[in-house]
Amino acid sequence: MRAIGFAPVIDAHTRVLILGSLPGDASLKMGQYYAHPRNAFWPLIGSLLDEALPALPYENRLVRLKTRGVGLWDMIASAERSGSLDAAIRSPEAADLRGLALGLPSLSAVAFNGGLAAKLGRRILANLEGVDLIDLPSSSPAHARPFEDKRQQWSVLAPYLTGSEG
């Protein structure tokens, strides 16, 4: 089955763009980024922003991210995949990441949520001036690690998240 990703969650004030690979089955079914109940994304980013994002309705989470200068998107626009694992991705169609990044005037960092996103993203965004590229451990439950370990590694985003609210 061909999985098709979501539109980017961005605006002109996006300073930090967090990129996954491709939404998993639970996310696609619900039409929401990071919808799997054991995916640590919302608790991780919420803890870094000091906001109770997991407790908010999904649309409110997205509003809070944008207000805080954080955007979301995925490296892959669509791909053949059975299940949710990145290892099962076949025939991927890349999203226009470079075009998106060049159209974000406030962008200072792109963070890759997981190894595949980093591998693809670093190639596409090589030599992008004025934007730091940051590799993060995957928030996916398939990447089994204690939450506090992931949170510590994700904390490298903190300096980029402290800018003025948009």
Protein backbone atom coordinates (compact mmCIF):
# COMPACT_ATOMS: atom_id res chain seq x y z
CA MET A 1 0.00 0.00 0.00
CA ARG A 2 1.26 3.50 -0.81
CA ALA A 3 1.46 5.68 2.29
CA ILE A 4 1.08 9.42 1.71
CA GLY A 5 2.46 11.88 4.25
CA PHE A 6 0.90 15.02 5.67
CA ALA A 7 1.25 18.67 4.75
CA PRO A 8 3.92 20.57 6.65
CA VAL A 9 2.98 22.34 9.88
CA ILE A 10 4.83 25.64 9.43
CA ASP A 11 4.44 29.38 9.17
CA ALA A 12 6.71 32.35 8.48
CA HIS A 13 7.93 32.27 12.11
CA THR A 14 9.17 28.65 12.05
CA ARG A 15 12.65 28.60 13.60
CA VAL A 16 12.99 24.86 14.21
CA LEU A 17 11.75 22.26 11.74
CA ILE A 18 11.45 18.72 13.08
CA LEU A 19 11.46 16.08 10.36
CA GLY A 20 10.42 12.47 10.59
CA SER A 21 10.67 9.89 7.82
CA LEU A 22 7.02 9.04 7.01
CA PRO A 23 3.98 8.82 9.32
CA GLY A 24 3.30 5.35 10.70
CA ASP A 25 0.03 3.46 10.33
CA ALA A 26 -1.54 4.86 13.54
CA SER A 27 -0.72 8.41 12.48
CA LEU A 28 -2.03 7.90 8.95
CA LYS A 29 -5.23 6.35 10.27
CA MET A 30 -5.85 9.27 12.64
CA GLY A 31 -4.57 11.95 10.26
CA GLN A 32 -2.19 13.25 12.95
CA TYR A 33 1.55 13.54 13.33
CA TYR A 34 2.91 11.16 15.99
CA ALA A 35 -0.47 9.64 16.87
CA HIS A 36 0.77 6.26 18.13
CA PRO A 37 0.07 6.27 21.89
CA ARG A 38 3.58 5.05 22.72
CA ASN A 39 5.39 7.49 20.43
CA ALA A 40 7.32 9.83 22.71
CA PHE A 41 7.25 12.86 20.40
CA TRP A 42 4.55 14.90 22.16
CA PRO A 43 5.91 14.24 25.68
CA LEU A 44 9.46 15.02 24.46
CA ILE A 45 8.69 18.30 22.71
CA GLY A 46 6.24 19.26 25.44
CA SER A 47 8.88 18.80 28.12
CA LEU A 48 11.37 20.92 26.15
CA LEU A 49 8.80 23.69 25.67
CA ASP A 50 7.59 23.32 29.28
CA GLU A 51 4.04 22.79 28.01
CA ALA A 52 1.55 19.97 28.62
CA LEU A 53 1.19 19.26 24.90
CA PRO A 54 0.07 15.62 25.26
CA ALA A 55 -2.96 16.78 27.27
CA LEU A 56 -4.14 19.18 24.55
CA PRO A 57 -6.39 18.32 21.60
CA TYR A 58 -4.31 17.69 18.47
CA GLU A 59 -5.18 20.96 16.70
CA ASN A 60 -4.21 22.92 19.83
CA ARG A 61 -0.86 21.10 19.92
CA LEU A 62 -0.14 22.26 16.39
CA VAL A 63 -1.10 25.84 17.25
CA ARG A 64 1.22 25.77 20.28
CA LEU A 65 4.09 24.41 18.19
CA LYS A 66 3.69 27.13 15.59
CA THR A 67 3.37 29.80 18.30
CA ARG A 68 6.68 28.57 19.72
CA GLY A 69 8.39 28.59 16.29
CA VAL A 70 8.38 24.81 15.79
CA GLY A 71 7.36 23.16 12.53
CA LEU A 72 6.77 19.53 11.54
CA TRP A 73 7.12 17.64 8.32
CA ASP A 74 8.48 14.39 6.91
CA MET A 75 11.33 13.57 4.56
CA ILE A 76 9.22 11.25 2.43
CA ALA A 77 6.09 12.52 0.67
CA SER A 78 4.92 8.99 -0.16
CA ALA A 79 6.21 5.44 -0.30
CA GLU A 80 5.18 1.82 -0.53
CA ARG A 81 5.22 0.37 2.97
CA SER A 82 3.66 -2.55 4.80
CA GLY A 83 3.42 -1.67 8.49
CA SER A 84 5.05 1.31 10.15
CA LEU A 85 8.76 0.51 10.24
CA ASP A 86 11.20 2.63 8.24
CA ALA A 87 12.95 -0.57 7.16
CA ALA A 88 9.80 -1.53 5.20
CA ILE A 89 9.79 1.66 3.08
CA ARG A 90 10.04 0.99 -0.65
CA SER A 91 9.93 3.32 -3.67
CA PRO A 92 10.04 6.54 -1.62
CA GLU A 93 9.16 9.88 -3.18
CA ALA A 94 11.08 12.67 -1.46
CA ALA A 95 9.31 15.74 -0.11
CA ASP A 96 10.59 19.11 -1.38
CA LEU A 97 12.51 19.75 1.80
CA ARG A 98 15.09 22.09 0.33
CA GLY A 99 12.37 24.23 -1.25
CA LEU A 100 10.47 24.34 2.03
CA ALA A 101 13.58 25.25 4.05
CA LEU A 102 14.54 28.03 1.64
CA GLY A 103 11.04 29.49 2.04
CA LEU A 104 11.29 29.77 5.85
CA PRO A 105 13.03 33.09 6.58
CA SER A 106 13.40 32.49 10.34
CA LEU A 107 14.66 28.89 10.11
CA SER A 108 17.74 28.31 12.28
CA ALA A 109 17.67 24.54 12.84
CA VAL A 110 16.40 21.36 11.24
CA ALA A 111 16.12 18.41 13.61
CA PHE A 112 15.87 14.87 12.26
CA ASN A 113 13.64 12.55 14.29
CA GLY A 114 15.45 9.26 13.72
CA GLY A 115 18.18 7.74 11.62
CA LEU A 116 16.43 7.52 8.25
CA ALA A 117 15.27 11.13 8.44
CA ALA A 118 18.84 12.20 9.25
CA LYS A 119 20.35 10.12 6.46
CA LEU A 120 18.00 11.53 3.82
CA GLY A 121 17.82 15.05 5.23
CA ARG A 122 21.53 15.63 5.56
CA ARG A 123 21.97 14.79 1.88
CA ILE A 124 19.16 17.11 0.76
CA LEU A 125 20.12 20.00 3.04
CA ALA A 126 23.88 19.79 2.64
CA ASN A 127 25.39 23.28 2.38
CA LEU A 128 22.23 25.08 3.50
CA GLU A 129 23.65 28.27 4.99
CA GLY A 130 22.65 29.53 8.41
CA VAL A 131 20.73 26.40 9.40
CA ASP A 132 22.05 23.88 11.91
CA LEU A 133 21.28 20.21 11.23
CA ILE A 134 20.61 18.14 14.35
CA ASP A 135 20.27 14.35 14.58
CA LEU A 136 17.90 13.09 17.28
CA PRO A 137 17.06 9.57 18.42
CA SER A 138 13.71 8.48 17.06
CA SER A 139 10.68 9.19 19.22
CA SER A 140 9.13 5.98 17.86
CA PRO A 141 8.30 3.12 20.23
CA ALA A 142 10.24 0.89 17.81
CA HIS A 143 13.37 2.74 18.99
CA ALA A 144 13.27 1.33 22.51
CA ARG A 145 15.10 3.59 24.94
CA PRO A 146 14.12 5.05 28.28
CA PHE A 147 12.21 8.33 27.94
CA GLU A 148 14.76 10.22 30.05
CA ASP A 149 17.60 9.10 27.73
CA LYS A 150 15.68 10.38 24.71
CA ARG A 151 14.77 13.58 26.52
CA GLN A 152 18.41 14.23 27.39
CA GLN A 153 19.43 13.82 23.75
CA TRP A 154 16.51 15.94 22.51
CA SER A 155 17.54 18.70 24.93
CA VAL A 156 20.06 19.88 22.32
CA LEU A 157 17.05 21.64 20.79
CA ALA A 158 16.55 23.84 23.87
CA PRO A 159 18.68 26.80 22.68
CA TYR A 160 16.67 26.95 19.44
CA LEU A 161 13.34 26.87 21.29
CA THR A 162 13.97 29.86 23.53
CA GLY A 163 13.46 32.57 20.91
CA SER A 164 10.57 34.97 21.14
CA GLU A 165 7.12 33.57 20.52
CA GLY A 166 5.64 34.27 17.09
